[in-house]
Amino acid sequence: MDIYVSNLSPYVLGEDLKKQFSKFGVVSSANIIIDKYTNRSRGFGFVTMPNDAEAEKAILEMDGSSLDGKAIAASKARPREEKTNRSSYNSRW
């Protein structure tokens, strides 16, 4: 299961997320989303846990907990939506 984690401190790394969520089971990946222009954390990331029961427990325990001095939010990740082309040029033709 993919877990969406938000309200992260800019100093939290993927390894920090992995360490925290590993308390509840196996973590196959933990990634912080980085802004491509500033190369800084965007304040959210994703944790992947293969066991759904462990992931659910991690969400319950980690949602609202403190990480690097900030109360984080954790929830089941939703599927990524397709981006639409909003260009007015393309929509007229």
N, C-alpha and C. Protein backbone atom coordinates (compact mmCIF):
# COMPACT_ATOMS: atom_id res chain seq x y z
N MET A 1 0.85 -1.18 0.00
CA MET A 1 0.00 0.00 0.00
C MET A 1 0.89 1.23 0.00
N ASP A 2 0.48 2.23 -0.76
CA ASP A 2 1.18 3.51 -0.77
C ASP A 2 0.54 4.44 0.25
N ILE A 3 1.38 5.10 1.03
CA ILE A 3 0.93 6.01 2.08
C ILE A 3 1.42 7.41 1.73
N TYR A 4 0.50 8.36 1.75
CA TYR A 4 0.81 9.77 1.51
C TYR A 4 1.11 10.41 2.86
N VAL A 5 2.26 11.06 2.97
CA VAL A 5 2.67 11.70 4.21
C VAL A 5 2.91 13.18 3.92
N SER A 6 2.21 14.05 4.65
CA SER A 6 2.33 15.49 4.38
C SER A 6 2.67 16.26 5.65
N ASN A 7 2.87 17.56 5.47
CA ASN A 7 3.27 18.50 6.51
C ASN A 7 4.65 18.14 7.07
N LEU A 8 5.53 17.74 6.17
CA LEU A 8 6.89 17.36 6.58
C LEU A 8 7.79 18.58 6.68
N SER A 9 8.68 18.54 7.64
CA SER A 9 9.71 19.55 7.78
C SER A 9 10.61 19.49 6.54
N PRO A 10 11.15 20.61 6.10
CA PRO A 10 12.04 20.58 4.94
C PRO A 10 13.33 19.79 5.18
N TYR A 11 13.59 19.43 6.42
CA TYR A 11 14.82 18.72 6.76
C TYR A 11 14.63 17.20 6.85
N VAL A 12 13.38 16.72 6.70
CA VAL A 12 13.11 15.29 6.76
C VAL A 12 13.55 14.65 5.44
N LEU A 13 14.28 13.55 5.55
CA LEU A 13 14.76 12.81 4.38
C LEU A 13 13.97 11.50 4.23
N GLY A 14 14.10 10.89 3.08
CA GLY A 14 13.46 9.60 2.84
C GLY A 14 13.85 8.57 3.87
N GLU A 15 15.12 8.58 4.28
CA GLU A 15 15.59 7.63 5.30
C GLU A 15 14.89 7.86 6.64
N ASP A 16 14.58 9.11 6.95
CA ASP A 16 13.86 9.42 8.20
C ASP A 16 12.45 8.82 8.16
N LEU A 17 11.79 8.97 7.03
CA LEU A 17 10.45 8.39 6.87
C LEU A 17 10.51 6.87 6.98
N LYS A 18 11.48 6.28 6.32
CA LYS A 18 11.61 4.82 6.34
C LYS A 18 11.82 4.34 7.77
N LYS A 19 12.66 5.02 8.52
CA LYS A 19 12.94 4.64 9.90
C LYS A 19 11.67 4.70 10.75
N GLN A 20 10.90 5.76 10.61
CA GLN A 20 9.69 5.92 11.41
C GLN A 20 8.62 4.88 11.06
N PHE A 21 8.42 4.63 9.77
CA PHE A 21 7.37 3.70 9.34
C PHE A 21 7.80 2.24 9.50
N SER A 22 9.09 1.98 9.56
CA SER A 22 9.59 0.62 9.76
C SER A 22 9.22 0.06 11.13
N LYS A 23 8.84 0.92 12.04
CA LYS A 23 8.42 0.47 13.37
C LYS A 23 7.15 -0.39 13.27
N PHE A 24 6.43 -0.26 12.15
CA PHE A 24 5.15 -0.95 12.00
C PHE A 24 5.21 -2.11 11.01
N GLY A 25 6.35 -2.30 10.36
CA GLY A 25 6.50 -3.40 9.42
C GLY A 25 7.51 -3.07 8.33
N VAL A 26 7.49 -3.87 7.29
CA VAL A 26 8.43 -3.73 6.19
C VAL A 26 8.07 -2.51 5.33
N VAL A 27 9.07 -1.69 5.05
CA VAL A 27 8.92 -0.54 4.16
C VAL A 27 9.75 -0.81 2.92
N SER A 28 9.09 -0.88 1.77
CA SER A 28 9.85 -1.17 0.54
C SER A 28 10.43 0.10 -0.08
N SER A 29 9.80 1.26 0.18
CA SER A 29 10.39 2.52 -0.29
C SER A 29 9.80 3.69 0.50
N ALA A 30 10.58 4.76 0.58
CA ALA A 30 10.15 6.00 1.23
C ALA A 30 10.81 7.15 0.47
N ASN A 31 9.99 8.02 -0.09
CA ASN A 31 10.51 9.11 -0.93
C ASN A 31 9.90 10.45 -0.55
N ILE A 32 10.74 11.45 -0.51
CA ILE A 32 10.31 12.82 -0.31
C ILE A 32 10.21 13.45 -1.70
N ILE A 33 9.16 14.19 -1.96
CA ILE A 33 9.00 14.85 -3.26
C ILE A 33 9.78 16.16 -3.24
N ILE A 34 10.62 16.33 -4.24
CA ILE A 34 11.52 17.49 -4.34
C ILE A 34 11.04 18.40 -5.47
N ASP A 35 11.02 19.70 -5.21
CA ASP A 35 10.67 20.68 -6.23
C ASP A 35 11.77 20.72 -7.28
N LYS A 36 11.39 20.59 -8.55
CA LYS A 36 12.41 20.51 -9.61
C LYS A 36 13.12 21.84 -9.87
N TYR A 37 12.54 22.95 -9.46
CA TYR A 37 13.17 24.25 -9.70
C TYR A 37 14.07 24.69 -8.55
N THR A 38 13.63 24.44 -7.31
CA THR A 38 14.41 24.88 -6.15
C THR A 38 15.26 23.76 -5.56
N ASN A 39 14.98 22.51 -5.94
CA ASN A 39 15.68 21.34 -5.41
C ASN A 39 15.49 21.19 -3.90
N ARG A 40 14.34 21.68 -3.39
CA ARG A 40 14.00 21.58 -1.98
C ARG A 40 12.76 20.71 -1.81
N SER A 41 12.60 20.21 -0.61
CA SER A 41 11.43 19.39 -0.29
C SER A 41 10.15 20.19 -0.50
N ARG A 42 9.13 19.51 -1.04
CA ARG A 42 7.82 20.14 -1.20
C ARG A 42 6.94 19.91 0.02
N GLY A 43 7.48 19.23 1.03
CA GLY A 43 6.76 19.05 2.29
C GLY A 43 5.87 17.82 2.34
N PHE A 44 6.01 16.95 1.35
CA PHE A 44 5.26 15.70 1.39
C PHE A 44 6.05 14.59 0.73
N GLY A 45 5.59 13.36 0.96
CA GLY A 45 6.27 12.22 0.40
C GLY A 45 5.38 10.99 0.42
N PHE A 46 5.95 9.87 0.02
CA PHE A 46 5.22 8.61 -0.06
C PHE A 46 6.03 7.49 0.55
N VAL A 47 5.34 6.63 1.28
CA VAL A 47 5.93 5.43 1.86
C VAL A 47 5.18 4.24 1.28
N THR A 48 5.90 3.23 0.84
CA THR A 48 5.27 2.02 0.32
C THR A 48 5.54 0.86 1.27
N MET A 49 4.43 0.25 1.71
CA MET A 49 4.51 -0.91 2.59
C MET A 49 3.74 -2.05 1.93
N PRO A 50 4.40 -3.20 1.68
CA PRO A 50 3.74 -4.29 0.97
C PRO A 50 2.59 -4.96 1.73
N ASN A 51 2.63 -4.93 3.06
CA ASN A 51 1.60 -5.57 3.87
C ASN A 51 0.54 -4.52 4.24
N ASP A 52 -0.70 -4.70 3.74
CA ASP A 52 -1.76 -3.72 3.97
C ASP A 52 -2.12 -3.55 5.45
N ALA A 53 -2.11 -4.62 6.21
CA ALA A 53 -2.44 -4.53 7.63
C ALA A 53 -1.40 -3.69 8.37
N GLU A 54 -0.13 -3.89 8.05
CA GLU A 54 0.94 -3.10 8.66
C GLU A 54 0.82 -1.63 8.23
N ALA A 55 0.48 -1.42 6.97
CA ALA A 55 0.33 -0.05 6.46
C ALA A 55 -0.81 0.67 7.15
N GLU A 56 -1.93 -0.02 7.35
CA GLU A 56 -3.08 0.59 8.03
C GLU A 56 -2.72 0.97 9.46
N LYS A 57 -2.00 0.09 10.14
CA LYS A 57 -1.56 0.38 11.52
C LYS A 57 -0.62 1.58 11.53
N ALA A 58 0.29 1.63 10.57
CA ALA A 58 1.23 2.75 10.48
C ALA A 58 0.47 4.07 10.26
N ILE A 59 -0.54 4.05 9.40
CA ILE A 59 -1.32 5.26 9.14
C ILE A 59 -2.00 5.72 10.43
N LEU A 60 -2.64 4.79 11.14
CA LEU A 60 -3.33 5.14 12.39
C LEU A 60 -2.38 5.73 13.42
N GLU A 61 -1.20 5.13 13.54
CA GLU A 61 -0.25 5.57 14.55
C GLU A 61 0.51 6.84 14.16
N MET A 62 0.83 6.98 12.88
CA MET A 62 1.66 8.10 12.45
C MET A 62 0.87 9.38 12.15
N ASP A 63 -0.40 9.25 11.79
CA ASP A 63 -1.21 10.44 11.49
C ASP A 63 -1.34 11.30 12.75
N GLY A 64 -0.85 12.51 12.68
CA GLY A 64 -0.88 13.43 13.82
C GLY A 64 0.33 13.33 14.73
N SER A 65 1.21 12.38 14.47
CA SER A 65 2.41 12.26 15.30
C SER A 65 3.43 13.33 14.92
N SER A 66 4.41 13.52 15.77
CA SER A 66 5.43 14.54 15.54
C SER A 66 6.67 13.93 14.89
N LEU A 67 7.14 14.61 13.85
CA LEU A 67 8.38 14.21 13.19
C LEU A 67 9.18 15.48 12.91
N ASP A 68 10.35 15.57 13.49
CA ASP A 68 11.21 16.75 13.37
C ASP A 68 10.47 18.02 13.80
N GLY A 69 9.68 17.89 14.86
CA GLY A 69 9.02 19.05 15.44
C GLY A 69 7.71 19.47 14.77
N LYS A 70 7.23 18.71 13.79
CA LYS A 70 5.97 19.06 13.12
C LYS A 70 5.00 17.88 13.20
N ALA A 71 3.73 18.20 13.38
CA ALA A 71 2.70 17.16 13.38
C ALA A 71 2.43 16.78 11.92
N ILE A 72 2.71 15.54 11.57
CA ILE A 72 2.55 15.09 10.19
C ILE A 72 1.16 14.50 9.97
N ALA A 73 0.77 14.40 8.72
CA ALA A 73 -0.48 13.76 8.34
C ALA A 73 -0.13 12.54 7.49
N ALA A 74 -0.80 11.42 7.75
CA ALA A 74 -0.57 10.20 6.98
C ALA A 74 -1.92 9.63 6.56
N SER A 75 -2.02 9.24 5.30
CA SER A 75 -3.25 8.66 4.79
C SER A 75 -2.94 7.75 3.61
N LYS A 76 -3.91 6.93 3.25
CA LYS A 76 -3.75 6.06 2.09
C LYS A 76 -3.65 6.96 0.86
N ALA A 77 -2.64 6.70 0.03
CA ALA A 77 -2.42 7.52 -1.17
C ALA A 77 -3.51 7.23 -2.20
N ARG A 78 -3.98 8.27 -2.85
CA ARG A 78 -4.95 8.12 -3.94
C ARG A 78 -4.19 7.98 -5.24
N PRO A 79 -4.81 7.32 -6.24
CA PRO A 79 -4.15 7.20 -7.55
C PRO A 79 -3.91 8.59 -8.15
N ARG A 80 -2.81 8.71 -8.83
CA ARG A 80 -2.46 9.98 -9.47
C ARG A 80 -3.41 10.26 -10.62
N GLU A 81 -3.91 11.50 -10.67
CA GLU A 81 -4.82 11.89 -11.75
C GLU A 81 -4.02 12.35 -12.95
N GLU A 82 -4.56 12.08 -14.12
CA GLU A 82 -3.93 12.53 -15.36
C GLU A 82 -4.04 14.05 -15.46
N LYS A 83 -2.99 14.68 -15.92
CA LYS A 83 -3.02 16.12 -16.14
C LYS A 83 -3.71 16.40 -17.47
N THR A 84 -4.47 17.48 -17.50
CA THR A 84 -5.12 17.88 -18.74
C THR A 84 -4.38 19.07 -19.32
N ASN A 85 -4.40 19.18 -20.61
CA ASN A 85 -3.75 20.31 -21.27
C ASN A 85 -4.72 21.47 -21.24
N ARG A 86 -4.37 22.52 -20.53
CA ARG A 86 -5.26 23.67 -20.36
C ARG A 86 -4.92 24.81 -21.29
N SER A 87 -4.10 24.55 -22.25
CA SER A 87 -3.70 25.60 -23.18
C SER A 87 -4.91 26.08 -23.97
N SER A 88 -5.15 27.39 -23.99
CA SER A 88 -6.29 27.93 -24.73
C SER A 88 -6.08 27.76 -26.23
N TYR A 89 -4.82 27.73 -26.66
CA TYR A 89 -4.54 27.55 -28.08
C TYR A 89 -5.05 26.19 -28.55
N ASN A 90 -4.72 25.14 -27.80
CA ASN A 90 -5.14 23.80 -28.18
C ASN A 90 -6.63 23.59 -28.06
N SER A 91 -7.28 24.26 -27.14
CA SER A 91 -8.71 24.01 -26.94
C SER A 91 -9.56 24.66 -28.04
N ARG A 92 -9.01 25.65 -28.74
CA ARG A 92 -9.78 26.30 -29.81
C ARG A 92 -9.73 25.51 -31.11
N TRP A 93 -8.74 24.67 -31.26
CA TRP A 93 -8.59 23.98 -32.54
C TRP A 93 -8.88 22.56 -32.32
